[in-house]
Amino acid sequence: MKKITFSPSMIAVVLSSVLAGGSAFAADSVSETTNTISTKAESAVERTGDTLSQAAEATKGTIDDAMITTKVKGELLKHDAINSGDISVETTDAVVTLSGFVTSQEQIKQAAEIAGQVEGVASVSDKLIVKDKAYQSVKEYADDAMVTSAVKAKFLAADGVPGLSVSVETQDGVVQLTGEVDTQAQATHAENVAKSVDGVQSVKNDLIVTQ
């Protein structure tokens, strides 16, 4: 068998080729890894931007609704024919909900028209109730105020009722519930809790289920 001898110069050429190939492979690997990291970083930035944008829109919507509520209350106060102190105003996504008690059907119509003319209001949900009688004694008013306080306190103590999200109005022992809850079960539970309070004659459940 013939013995093959490699000269130092030939060995140097082979080693240089191997090293060059390894360097190219390493460079390609680094480049690919860098591109992957860059792509993931860009995606993360985009997702963060979308989340911040959505949060900003939600905050803006909440502020706009609060401003609309304030404007509607202000407009109702300007009309002496309407006892605005007995009317609650809530706004969600520019939809104004009026609840509470008035002395006539005409006042309901006027209140809804006034609210609908306020800038930014998309629509008006009328949940106002006409009082059974025009006159209410001081004692009756005090009794209704006590019932309202008792119902609110019961909500805060009860499990499964978002007490802070539910508005309570009482007229002649008739309790009206307005606001938003997450489920129908919460709305039903709130009604049952209100009915269990001493002094409550009946409950008008106008809670809105959001889910």
N, C-alpha and C. Protein backbone atom coordinates (compact mmCIF):
# COMPACT_ATOMS: atom_id res chain seq x y z
N MET A 1 0.86 -1.19 0.00
CA MET A 1 0.00 0.00 0.00
C MET A 1 0.89 1.23 0.00
N LYS A 2 0.49 2.21 -0.87
CA LYS A 2 1.30 3.42 -0.98
C LYS A 2 0.93 4.36 0.13
N LYS A 3 1.88 4.85 0.80
CA LYS A 3 1.65 5.79 1.90
C LYS A 3 1.49 7.19 1.35
N ILE A 4 0.37 7.80 1.77
CA ILE A 4 0.08 9.17 1.29
C ILE A 4 0.57 10.15 2.33
N THR A 5 1.34 11.09 1.85
CA THR A 5 1.90 12.10 2.76
C THR A 5 1.33 13.46 2.39
N PHE A 6 0.81 14.17 3.42
CA PHE A 6 0.26 15.52 3.21
C PHE A 6 1.30 16.55 3.63
N SER A 7 1.50 17.47 2.78
CA SER A 7 2.47 18.52 3.08
C SER A 7 1.85 19.52 4.05
N PRO A 8 2.64 20.24 4.80
CA PRO A 8 2.12 21.26 5.74
C PRO A 8 1.24 22.28 5.05
N SER A 9 1.58 22.66 3.83
CA SER A 9 0.79 23.68 3.12
C SER A 9 -0.59 23.15 2.77
N MET A 10 -0.65 21.85 2.40
CA MET A 10 -1.95 21.25 2.05
C MET A 10 -2.83 21.16 3.29
N ILE A 11 -2.24 20.76 4.41
CA ILE A 11 -3.00 20.67 5.67
C ILE A 11 -3.55 22.03 6.05
N ALA A 12 -2.77 23.05 5.83
CA ALA A 12 -3.19 24.41 6.18
C ALA A 12 -4.39 24.82 5.34
N VAL A 13 -4.37 24.44 4.04
CA VAL A 13 -5.49 24.78 3.15
C VAL A 13 -6.76 24.07 3.60
N VAL A 14 -6.65 22.79 3.97
CA VAL A 14 -7.83 22.02 4.42
C VAL A 14 -8.41 22.62 5.70
N LEU A 15 -7.53 22.92 6.65
CA LEU A 15 -8.01 23.52 7.91
C LEU A 15 -8.68 24.86 7.68
N SER A 16 -8.15 25.62 6.79
CA SER A 16 -8.74 26.94 6.49
C SER A 16 -10.14 26.78 5.93
N SER A 17 -10.32 25.78 5.05
CA SER A 17 -11.64 25.53 4.45
C SER A 17 -12.65 25.12 5.52
N VAL A 18 -12.18 24.21 6.41
CA VAL A 18 -13.08 23.74 7.48
C VAL A 18 -13.49 24.90 8.39
N LEU A 19 -12.51 25.71 8.77
CA LEU A 19 -12.79 26.84 9.65
C LEU A 19 -13.71 27.85 8.98
N ALA A 20 -13.49 28.06 7.70
CA ALA A 20 -14.33 29.02 6.95
C ALA A 20 -15.76 28.51 6.90
N GLY A 21 -15.91 27.21 6.65
CA GLY A 21 -17.26 26.62 6.62
C GLY A 21 -17.94 26.73 7.96
N GLY A 22 -17.19 26.47 9.03
CA GLY A 22 -17.76 26.57 10.38
C GLY A 22 -18.15 27.99 10.71
N SER A 23 -17.34 28.93 10.29
CA SER A 23 -17.66 30.34 10.55
C SER A 23 -18.92 30.75 9.83
N ALA A 24 -19.05 30.28 8.59
CA ALA A 24 -20.26 30.62 7.81
C ALA A 24 -21.49 30.02 8.46
N PHE A 25 -21.37 28.77 8.91
CA PHE A 25 -22.52 28.12 9.58
C PHE A 25 -22.89 28.86 10.85
N ALA A 26 -21.85 29.23 11.62
CA ALA A 26 -22.11 29.97 12.86
C ALA A 26 -22.76 31.30 12.56
N ALA A 27 -22.28 31.98 11.52
CA ALA A 27 -22.85 33.28 11.15
C ALA A 27 -24.30 33.12 10.75
N ASP A 28 -24.60 32.07 9.96
CA ASP A 28 -26.00 31.83 9.56
C ASP A 28 -26.88 31.56 10.78
N SER A 29 -26.37 30.77 11.74
CA SER A 29 -27.14 30.44 12.94
C SER A 29 -27.42 31.69 13.76
N VAL A 30 -26.39 32.53 13.92
CA VAL A 30 -26.56 33.77 14.69
C VAL A 30 -27.57 34.68 14.00
N SER A 31 -27.45 34.77 12.66
CA SER A 31 -28.37 35.62 11.91
C SER A 31 -29.81 35.14 12.05
N GLU A 32 -30.00 33.81 11.94
CA GLU A 32 -31.35 33.23 12.06
C GLU A 32 -31.92 33.47 13.46
N THR A 33 -31.07 33.28 14.49
CA THR A 33 -31.52 33.50 15.87
C THR A 33 -31.90 34.96 16.10
N THR A 34 -31.06 35.86 15.55
CA THR A 34 -31.31 37.29 15.69
C THR A 34 -32.63 37.68 15.04
N ASN A 35 -32.87 37.13 13.83
CA ASN A 35 -34.13 37.41 13.13
C ASN A 35 -35.33 36.92 13.92
N THR A 36 -35.19 35.71 14.52
CA THR A 36 -36.30 35.15 15.33
C THR A 36 -36.60 36.03 16.52
N ILE A 37 -35.55 36.44 17.23
CA ILE A 37 -35.72 37.31 18.40
C ILE A 37 -36.35 38.63 17.99
N SER A 38 -35.88 39.18 16.86
CA SER A 38 -36.42 40.46 16.38
C SER A 38 -37.90 40.35 16.05
N THR A 39 -38.27 39.23 15.39
CA THR A 39 -39.68 39.02 15.04
C THR A 39 -40.55 38.90 16.28
N LYS A 40 -40.06 38.13 17.27
CA LYS A 40 -40.82 37.96 18.51
C LYS A 40 -40.94 39.29 19.24
N ALA A 41 -39.87 40.07 19.23
CA ALA A 41 -39.91 41.37 19.90
C ALA A 41 -40.91 42.30 19.24
N GLU A 42 -40.91 42.29 17.89
CA GLU A 42 -41.86 43.13 17.17
C GLU A 42 -43.30 42.71 17.48
N SER A 43 -43.54 41.38 17.54
CA SER A 43 -44.89 40.88 17.85
C SER A 43 -45.30 41.31 19.25
N ALA A 44 -44.35 41.22 20.20
CA ALA A 44 -44.66 41.61 21.58
C ALA A 44 -45.00 43.09 21.66
N VAL A 45 -44.24 43.91 20.92
CA VAL A 45 -44.50 45.36 20.90
C VAL A 45 -45.88 45.65 20.31
N GLU A 46 -46.22 44.92 19.23
CA GLU A 46 -47.52 45.12 18.60
C GLU A 46 -48.65 44.76 19.55
N ARG A 47 -48.49 43.60 20.25
CA ARG A 47 -49.53 43.18 21.20
C ARG A 47 -49.67 44.17 22.33
N THR A 48 -48.52 44.66 22.84
CA THR A 48 -48.56 45.65 23.92
C THR A 48 -49.24 46.92 23.45
N GLY A 49 -48.92 47.33 22.21
CA GLY A 49 -49.54 48.53 21.66
C GLY A 49 -51.04 48.38 21.54
N ASP A 50 -51.48 47.18 21.08
CA ASP A 50 -52.93 46.93 20.95
C ASP A 50 -53.60 46.97 22.31
N THR A 51 -52.97 46.35 23.32
CA THR A 51 -53.54 46.33 24.66
C THR A 51 -53.67 47.74 25.24
N LEU A 52 -52.60 48.54 25.07
CA LEU A 52 -52.63 49.91 25.57
C LEU A 52 -53.70 50.72 24.85
N SER A 53 -53.83 50.49 23.55
CA SER A 53 -54.84 51.21 22.77
C SER A 53 -56.24 50.86 23.24
N GLN A 54 -56.48 49.56 23.49
CA GLN A 54 -57.80 49.13 23.97
C GLN A 54 -58.08 49.70 25.35
N ALA A 55 -57.06 49.72 26.20
CA ALA A 55 -57.25 50.27 27.55
C ALA A 55 -57.57 51.76 27.49
N ALA A 56 -56.87 52.46 26.57
CA ALA A 56 -57.11 53.89 26.41
C ALA A 56 -58.52 54.16 25.92
N GLU A 57 -58.99 53.33 24.98
CA GLU A 57 -60.35 53.50 24.46
C GLU A 57 -61.38 53.24 25.56
N ALA A 58 -61.14 52.20 26.36
CA ALA A 58 -62.09 51.88 27.44
C ALA A 58 -62.14 53.01 28.46
N THR A 59 -60.96 53.56 28.81
CA THR A 59 -60.92 54.68 29.76
C THR A 59 -61.63 55.89 29.21
N LYS A 60 -61.41 56.17 27.92
CA LYS A 60 -62.05 57.31 27.28
C LYS A 60 -63.56 57.15 27.30
N GLY A 61 -64.03 55.89 27.03
CA GLY A 61 -65.47 55.63 27.03
C GLY A 61 -66.07 55.87 28.40
N THR A 62 -65.34 55.45 29.46
CA THR A 62 -65.83 55.64 30.82
C THR A 62 -65.94 57.11 31.16
N ILE A 63 -64.91 57.88 30.76
CA ILE A 63 -64.92 59.32 31.03
C ILE A 63 -66.05 60.00 30.26
N ASP A 64 -66.24 59.63 29.00
CA ASP A 64 -67.32 60.21 28.20
C ASP A 64 -68.68 59.92 28.83
N ASP A 65 -68.89 58.69 29.29
CA ASP A 65 -70.16 58.32 29.92
C ASP A 65 -70.39 59.14 31.19
N ALA A 66 -69.33 59.34 31.97
CA ALA A 66 -69.45 60.12 33.21
C ALA A 66 -69.82 61.57 32.89
N MET A 67 -69.23 62.11 31.82
CA MET A 67 -69.52 63.48 31.42
C MET A 67 -70.97 63.61 30.95
N ILE A 68 -71.43 62.61 30.21
CA ILE A 68 -72.82 62.63 29.73
C ILE A 68 -73.78 62.60 30.92
N THR A 69 -73.50 61.72 31.90
CA THR A 69 -74.34 61.63 33.09
C THR A 69 -74.42 62.99 33.80
N THR A 70 -73.28 63.64 33.95
CA THR A 70 -73.24 64.95 34.61
C THR A 70 -74.04 65.99 33.84
N LYS A 71 -73.91 65.98 32.51
CA LYS A 71 -74.65 66.93 31.69
C LYS A 71 -76.16 66.71 31.78
N VAL A 72 -76.58 65.44 31.75
CA VAL A 72 -78.01 65.13 31.82
C VAL A 72 -78.58 65.59 33.16
N LYS A 73 -77.87 65.30 34.26
CA LYS A 73 -78.33 65.73 35.58
C LYS A 73 -78.44 67.25 35.64
N GLY A 74 -77.47 67.93 35.03
CA GLY A 74 -77.50 69.39 35.02
C GLY A 74 -78.69 69.93 34.27
N GLU A 75 -79.02 69.32 33.14
CA GLU A 75 -80.17 69.76 32.35
C GLU A 75 -81.49 69.50 33.07
N LEU A 76 -81.58 68.37 33.75
CA LEU A 76 -82.80 68.05 34.50
C LEU A 76 -83.01 69.04 35.64
N LEU A 77 -81.91 69.50 36.27
CA LEU A 77 -82.01 70.45 37.37
C LEU A 77 -82.56 71.80 36.92
N LYS A 78 -82.39 72.12 35.65
CA LYS A 78 -82.85 73.42 35.13
C LYS A 78 -84.37 73.49 35.00
N HIS A 79 -85.04 72.35 35.04
CA HIS A 79 -86.48 72.32 34.82
C HIS A 79 -87.21 72.13 36.15
N ASP A 80 -87.87 73.18 36.59
CA ASP A 80 -88.57 73.15 37.88
C ASP A 80 -89.72 72.15 37.89
N ALA A 81 -90.28 71.88 36.73
CA ALA A 81 -91.43 70.97 36.67
C ALA A 81 -91.04 69.53 36.92
N ILE A 82 -89.74 69.25 36.93
CA ILE A 82 -89.27 67.88 37.14
C ILE A 82 -88.50 67.81 38.45
N ASN A 83 -88.92 66.91 39.31
CA ASN A 83 -88.22 66.70 40.58
C ASN A 83 -87.01 65.81 40.32
N SER A 84 -85.93 66.41 39.88
CA SER A 84 -84.75 65.64 39.47
C SER A 84 -84.10 64.90 40.63
N GLY A 85 -84.42 65.31 41.87
CA GLY A 85 -83.84 64.63 43.02
C GLY A 85 -84.31 63.19 43.16
N ASP A 86 -85.46 62.89 42.55
CA ASP A 86 -85.98 61.51 42.59
C ASP A 86 -85.62 60.71 41.34
N ILE A 87 -84.78 61.29 40.48
CA ILE A 87 -84.40 60.61 39.24
C ILE A 87 -82.93 60.25 39.26
N SER A 88 -82.63 58.99 39.00
CA SER A 88 -81.25 58.53 38.90
C SER A 88 -80.85 58.47 37.42
N VAL A 89 -79.61 58.85 37.15
CA VAL A 89 -79.11 58.85 35.77
C VAL A 89 -77.86 57.99 35.70
N GLU A 90 -77.87 57.05 34.77
CA GLU A 90 -76.69 56.21 34.54
C GLU A 90 -76.44 56.14 33.04
N THR A 91 -75.17 56.13 32.66
CA THR A 91 -74.81 56.10 31.24
C THR A 91 -73.83 54.98 30.96
N THR A 92 -74.13 54.17 29.96
CA THR A 92 -73.24 53.10 29.52
C THR A 92 -73.17 53.12 28.00
N ASP A 93 -71.96 53.33 27.47
CA ASP A 93 -71.76 53.40 26.02
C ASP A 93 -72.70 54.42 25.38
N ALA A 94 -72.84 55.57 26.03
CA ALA A 94 -73.65 56.71 25.55
C ALA A 94 -75.15 56.46 25.63
N VAL A 95 -75.57 55.32 26.21
CA VAL A 95 -77.00 55.05 26.42
C VAL A 95 -77.36 55.47 27.84
N VAL A 96 -78.25 56.45 27.95
CA VAL A 96 -78.64 57.00 29.25
C VAL A 96 -79.86 56.26 29.78
N THR A 97 -79.76 55.80 31.03
CA THR A 97 -80.88 55.13 31.69
C THR A 97 -81.42 56.03 32.79
N LEU A 98 -82.70 56.36 32.70
CA LEU A 98 -83.37 57.17 33.72
C LEU A 98 -84.21 56.24 34.59
N SER A 99 -84.03 56.31 35.89
CA SER A 99 -84.83 55.49 36.80
C SER A 99 -85.23 56.33 37.99
N GLY A 100 -86.23 55.85 38.73
CA GLY A 100 -86.71 56.60 39.88
C GLY A 100 -88.20 56.85 39.76
N PHE A 101 -88.67 57.90 40.43
CA PHE A 101 -90.10 58.15 40.50
C PHE A 101 -90.44 59.59 40.14
N VAL A 102 -91.51 59.78 39.39
CA VAL A 102 -92.03 61.10 39.03
C VAL A 102 -93.53 61.11 39.32
N THR A 103 -94.12 62.31 39.22
CA THR A 103 -95.54 62.42 39.60
C THR A 103 -96.51 62.25 38.44
N SER A 104 -96.00 62.22 37.22
CA SER A 104 -96.92 62.08 36.09
C SER A 104 -96.23 61.49 34.88
N GLN A 105 -97.04 60.99 33.94
CA GLN A 105 -96.51 60.46 32.70
C GLN A 105 -95.87 61.56 31.87
N GLU A 106 -96.38 62.77 32.01
CA GLU A 106 -95.84 63.91 31.29
C GLU A 106 -94.40 64.19 31.72
N GLN A 107 -94.12 64.04 33.01
CA GLN A 107 -92.76 64.25 33.49
C GLN A 107 -91.80 63.20 32.93
N ILE A 108 -92.28 61.99 32.77
CA ILE A 108 -91.46 60.94 32.16
C ILE A 108 -91.08 61.34 30.75
N LYS A 109 -92.07 61.82 30.00
CA LYS A 109 -91.84 62.24 28.62
C LYS A 109 -90.85 63.39 28.55
N GLN A 110 -91.03 64.39 29.44
CA GLN A 110 -90.14 65.54 29.45
C GLN A 110 -88.71 65.15 29.80
N ALA A 111 -88.57 64.30 30.83
CA ALA A 111 -87.22 63.88 31.26
C ALA A 111 -86.49 63.14 30.15
N ALA A 112 -87.21 62.27 29.45
CA ALA A 112 -86.60 61.51 28.36
C ALA A 112 -86.19 62.44 27.22
N GLU A 113 -87.03 63.43 26.92
CA GLU A 113 -86.72 64.38 25.85
C GLU A 113 -85.51 65.23 26.22
N ILE A 114 -85.46 65.68 27.46
CA ILE A 114 -84.32 66.50 27.91
C ILE A 114 -83.02 65.70 27.82
N ALA A 115 -83.05 64.47 28.30
CA ALA A 115 -81.85 63.63 28.26
C ALA A 115 -81.42 63.36 26.83
N GLY A 116 -82.39 63.12 25.95
CA GLY A 116 -82.07 62.80 24.56
C GLY A 116 -81.45 63.95 23.79
N GLN A 117 -81.66 65.19 24.27
CA GLN A 117 -81.12 66.36 23.58
C GLN A 117 -79.70 66.71 24.02
N VAL A 118 -79.20 66.04 25.04
CA VAL A 118 -77.85 66.31 25.53
C VAL A 118 -76.82 65.78 24.54
N GLU A 119 -75.81 66.57 24.28
CA GLU A 119 -74.77 66.19 23.31
C GLU A 119 -74.06 64.90 23.75
N GLY A 120 -73.92 63.98 22.82
CA GLY A 120 -73.22 62.72 23.11
C GLY A 120 -74.13 61.57 23.46
N VAL A 121 -75.41 61.85 23.72
CA VAL A 121 -76.35 60.79 24.08
C VAL A 121 -76.81 60.05 22.83
N ALA A 122 -76.60 58.73 22.82
CA ALA A 122 -77.01 57.92 21.67
C ALA A 122 -78.49 57.55 21.75
N SER A 123 -78.94 57.20 22.96
CA SER A 123 -80.35 56.86 23.16
C SER A 123 -80.68 56.94 24.64
N VAL A 124 -81.99 56.91 24.95
CA VAL A 124 -82.43 57.02 26.34
C VAL A 124 -83.29 55.81 26.68
N SER A 125 -82.96 55.15 27.79
CA SER A 125 -83.74 54.03 28.29
C SER A 125 -84.57 54.53 29.47
N ASP A 126 -85.87 54.57 29.29
CA ASP A 126 -86.76 55.12 30.30
C ASP A 126 -87.27 54.03 31.24
N LYS A 127 -86.85 54.10 32.49
CA LYS A 127 -87.32 53.16 33.51
C LYS A 127 -87.96 53.91 34.68
N LEU A 128 -88.46 55.13 34.39
CA LEU A 128 -89.11 55.94 35.41
C LEU A 128 -90.48 55.38 35.77
N ILE A 129 -90.89 55.59 37.00
CA ILE A 129 -92.17 55.10 37.50
C ILE A 129 -93.00 56.27 38.01
N VAL A 130 -94.26 56.31 37.66
CA VAL A 130 -95.16 57.35 38.15
C VAL A 130 -95.59 57.00 39.57
N LYS A 131 -95.47 57.96 40.48
CA LYS A 131 -95.89 57.74 41.86
C LYS A 131 -97.38 57.46 41.92
N ASP A 132 -97.77 56.61 42.84
CA ASP A 132 -99.19 56.29 43.01
C ASP A 132 -99.99 57.49 43.50
N LYS A 133 -99.34 58.37 44.22
CA LYS A 133 -100.02 59.56 44.71
C LYS A 133 -99.08 60.75 44.66
N ALA A 134 -99.63 61.92 44.48
CA ALA A 134 -98.82 63.13 44.31
C ALA A 134 -98.17 63.58 45.60
N TYR A 135 -98.79 63.24 46.71
CA TYR A 135 -98.29 63.73 47.99
C TYR A 135 -97.75 62.57 48.82
N GLN A 136 -96.60 62.80 49.40
CA GLN A 136 -96.02 61.78 50.26
C GLN A 136 -95.61 62.44 51.56
N SER A 137 -96.10 61.91 52.66
CA SER A 137 -95.81 62.52 53.96
C SER A 137 -94.34 62.36 54.31
N VAL A 138 -93.93 63.18 55.28
CA VAL A 138 -92.53 63.12 55.74
C VAL A 138 -92.22 61.74 56.30
N LYS A 139 -93.16 61.16 57.03
CA LYS A 139 -92.94 59.84 57.62
C LYS A 139 -92.76 58.78 56.54
N GLU A 140 -93.63 58.84 55.51
CA GLU A 140 -93.53 57.87 54.41
C GLU A 140 -92.20 58.01 53.69
N TYR A 141 -91.78 59.27 53.50
CA TYR A 141 -90.51 59.51 52.82
C TYR A 141 -89.36 58.94 53.65
N ALA A 142 -89.44 59.15 54.98
CA ALA A 142 -88.39 58.63 55.87
C ALA A 142 -88.38 57.11 55.84
N ASP A 143 -89.57 56.50 55.83
CA ASP A 143 -89.64 55.05 55.77
C ASP A 143 -89.00 54.52 54.49
N ASP A 144 -89.28 55.17 53.37
CA ASP A 144 -88.70 54.74 52.09
C ASP A 144 -87.19 54.89 52.11
N ALA A 145 -86.70 55.97 52.71
CA ALA A 145 -85.25 56.19 52.80
C ALA A 145 -84.60 55.09 53.64
N MET A 146 -85.29 54.68 54.72
CA MET A 146 -84.76 53.61 55.56
C MET A 146 -84.75 52.29 54.81
N VAL A 147 -85.79 52.04 54.02
CA VAL A 147 -85.85 50.81 53.23
C VAL A 147 -84.70 50.78 52.22
N THR A 148 -84.49 51.92 51.55
CA THR A 148 -83.40 52.01 50.57
C THR A 148 -82.06 51.71 51.22
N SER A 149 -81.81 52.30 52.38
CA SER A 149 -80.55 52.09 53.10
C SER A 149 -80.41 50.63 53.52
N ALA A 150 -81.51 50.04 53.97
CA ALA A 150 -81.47 48.64 54.42
C ALA A 150 -81.18 47.70 53.26
N VAL A 151 -81.78 47.98 52.10
CA VAL A 151 -81.54 47.13 50.92
C VAL A 151 -80.08 47.24 50.48
N LYS A 152 -79.56 48.46 50.44
CA LYS A 152 -78.16 48.65 50.04
C LYS A 152 -77.21 47.93 50.99
N ALA A 153 -77.49 48.03 52.28
CA ALA A 153 -76.65 47.36 53.27
C ALA A 153 -76.72 45.84 53.10
N LYS A 154 -77.90 45.33 52.80
CA LYS A 154 -78.08 43.89 52.62
C LYS A 154 -77.30 43.42 51.38
N PHE A 155 -77.29 44.25 50.33
CA PHE A 155 -76.54 43.91 49.12
C PHE A 155 -75.05 43.80 49.42
N LEU A 156 -74.52 44.75 50.18
CA LEU A 156 -73.09 44.76 50.48
C LEU A 156 -72.68 43.56 51.32
N ALA A 157 -73.62 43.05 52.12
CA ALA A 157 -73.31 41.91 52.98
C ALA A 157 -73.57 40.57 52.31
N ALA A 158 -74.34 40.60 51.21
CA ALA A 158 -74.73 39.34 50.56
C ALA A 158 -73.68 38.89 49.55
N ASP A 159 -73.45 37.59 49.49
CA ASP A 159 -72.56 37.01 48.48
C ASP A 159 -73.31 36.90 47.16
N GLY A 160 -72.61 37.18 46.07
CA GLY A 160 -73.22 37.00 44.75
C GLY A 160 -73.99 38.19 44.25
N VAL A 161 -73.95 39.31 45.00
CA VAL A 161 -74.63 40.53 44.56
C VAL A 161 -73.61 41.67 44.47
N PRO A 162 -73.37 42.22 43.28
CA PRO A 162 -72.43 43.34 43.15
C PRO A 162 -73.09 44.64 43.64
N GLY A 163 -73.14 44.79 44.97
CA GLY A 163 -73.88 45.88 45.59
C GLY A 163 -73.52 47.26 45.09
N LEU A 164 -72.24 47.49 44.78
CA LEU A 164 -71.81 48.81 44.34
C LEU A 164 -72.29 49.12 42.92
N SER A 165 -72.70 48.10 42.17
CA SER A 165 -73.14 48.30 40.79
C SER A 165 -74.66 48.42 40.67
N VAL A 166 -75.35 48.27 41.79
CA VAL A 166 -76.82 48.28 41.77
C VAL A 166 -77.35 49.54 42.45
N SER A 167 -78.19 50.29 41.75
CA SER A 167 -78.83 51.47 42.34
C SER A 167 -80.19 51.08 42.90
N VAL A 168 -80.52 51.68 44.04
CA VAL A 168 -81.77 51.34 44.72
C VAL A 168 -82.60 52.60 44.92
N GLU A 169 -83.86 52.55 44.51
CA GLU A 169 -84.81 53.64 44.74
C GLU A 169 -86.06 53.03 45.37
N THR A 170 -86.65 53.75 46.33
CA THR A 170 -87.86 53.24 47.00
C THR A 170 -88.96 54.30 47.01
N GLN A 171 -90.15 53.89 46.65
CA GLN A 171 -91.32 54.76 46.67
C GLN A 171 -92.52 53.98 47.20
N ASP A 172 -93.05 54.43 48.35
CA ASP A 172 -94.19 53.75 48.97
C ASP A 172 -93.94 52.25 49.16
N GLY A 173 -92.71 51.92 49.52
CA GLY A 173 -92.37 50.53 49.77
C GLY A 173 -92.03 49.72 48.53
N VAL A 174 -92.15 50.36 47.34
CA VAL A 174 -91.80 49.68 46.08
C VAL A 174 -90.34 49.99 45.76
N VAL A 175 -89.52 48.97 45.73
CA VAL A 175 -88.08 49.12 45.49
C VAL A 175 -87.78 48.89 44.02
N GLN A 176 -87.05 49.83 43.43
CA GLN A 176 -86.63 49.69 42.03
C GLN A 176 -85.12 49.47 41.99
N LEU A 177 -84.70 48.43 41.30
CA LEU A 177 -83.28 48.12 41.15
C LEU A 177 -82.84 48.43 39.73
N THR A 178 -81.79 49.21 39.58
CA THR A 178 -81.24 49.52 38.27
C THR A 178 -79.73 49.39 38.31
N GLY A 179 -79.12 49.31 37.14
CA GLY A 179 -77.68 49.14 37.04
C GLY A 179 -77.34 47.92 36.21
N GLU A 180 -76.10 47.48 36.29
CA GLU A 180 -75.64 46.35 35.49
C GLU A 180 -75.07 45.24 36.38
N VAL A 181 -75.38 44.00 36.00
CA VAL A 181 -74.80 42.81 36.66
C VAL A 181 -74.27 41.89 35.58
N ASP A 182 -73.43 40.95 36.00
CA ASP A 182 -72.78 40.07 35.02
C ASP A 182 -73.69 38.96 34.51
N THR A 183 -74.56 38.44 35.39
CA THR A 183 -75.36 37.29 35.01
C THR A 183 -76.82 37.45 35.45
N GLN A 184 -77.70 36.64 34.84
CA GLN A 184 -79.10 36.65 35.24
C GLN A 184 -79.26 36.15 36.66
N ALA A 185 -78.37 35.23 37.06
CA ALA A 185 -78.42 34.70 38.42
C ALA A 185 -78.20 35.82 39.44
N GLN A 186 -77.29 36.74 39.13
CA GLN A 186 -77.03 37.87 40.03
C GLN A 186 -78.25 38.79 40.11
N ALA A 187 -78.89 39.02 38.96
CA ALA A 187 -80.08 39.87 38.93
C ALA A 187 -81.20 39.26 39.77
N THR A 188 -81.41 37.97 39.62
CA THR A 188 -82.46 37.28 40.37
C THR A 188 -82.14 37.26 41.87
N HIS A 189 -80.87 37.03 42.18
CA HIS A 189 -80.45 36.99 43.59
C HIS A 189 -80.64 38.36 44.24
N ALA A 190 -80.30 39.42 43.50
CA ALA A 190 -80.47 40.78 44.02
C ALA A 190 -81.94 41.06 44.32
N GLU A 191 -82.81 40.64 43.42
CA GLU A 191 -84.25 40.85 43.63
C GLU A 191 -84.72 40.11 44.88
N ASN A 192 -84.28 38.88 45.04
CA ASN A 192 -84.69 38.09 46.20
C ASN A 192 -84.17 38.68 47.51
N VAL A 193 -82.94 39.20 47.48
CA VAL A 193 -82.37 39.83 48.67
C VAL A 193 -83.18 41.07 49.03
N ALA A 194 -83.53 41.87 48.03
CA ALA A 194 -84.31 43.09 48.27
C ALA A 194 -85.68 42.74 48.86
N LYS A 195 -86.30 41.69 48.35
CA LYS A 195 -87.62 41.28 48.84
C LYS A 195 -87.59 40.83 50.30
N SER A 196 -86.42 40.38 50.76
CA SER A 196 -86.31 39.87 52.13
C SER A 196 -86.17 40.98 53.17
N VAL A 197 -86.01 42.23 52.70
CA VAL A 197 -85.83 43.36 53.63
C VAL A 197 -87.18 43.81 54.18
N ASP A 198 -87.23 44.07 55.49
CA ASP A 198 -88.46 44.55 56.13
C ASP A 198 -88.88 45.88 55.53
N GLY A 199 -90.17 46.02 55.25
CA GLY A 199 -90.69 47.27 54.71
C GLY A 199 -90.84 47.27 53.21
N VAL A 200 -90.25 46.30 52.54
CA VAL A 200 -90.34 46.22 51.07
C VAL A 200 -91.67 45.58 50.69
N GLN A 201 -92.48 46.33 49.93
CA GLN A 201 -93.77 45.82 49.47
C GLN A 201 -93.62 44.98 48.21
N SER A 202 -92.79 45.47 47.29
CA SER A 202 -92.53 44.75 46.04
C SER A 202 -91.24 45.27 45.44
N VAL A 203 -90.73 44.55 44.46
CA VAL A 203 -89.46 44.92 43.81
C VAL A 203 -89.64 44.99 42.30
N LYS A 204 -89.21 46.11 41.72
CA LYS A 204 -89.21 46.26 40.27
C LYS A 204 -87.77 46.08 39.80
N ASN A 205 -87.50 44.94 39.20
CA ASN A 205 -86.14 44.59 38.82
C ASN A 205 -85.84 45.06 37.40
N ASP A 206 -85.10 46.17 37.29
CA ASP A 206 -84.70 46.72 35.99
C ASP A 206 -83.21 46.57 35.77
N LEU A 207 -82.59 45.59 36.42
CA LEU A 207 -81.16 45.35 36.24
C LEU A 207 -80.87 44.85 34.83
N ILE A 208 -79.75 45.28 34.29
CA ILE A 208 -79.34 44.87 32.94
C ILE A 208 -78.24 43.83 33.06
N VAL A 209 -78.43 42.68 32.41
CA VAL A 209 -77.43 41.61 32.40
C VAL A 209 -76.49 41.85 31.22
N THR A 210 -75.20 41.97 31.50
CA THR A 210 -74.23 42.31 30.47
C THR A 210 -73.67 41.10 29.74
N GLN A 211 -73.82 39.91 30.30
CA GLN A 211 -73.26 38.72 29.65
C GLN A 211 -74.36 37.76 29.24
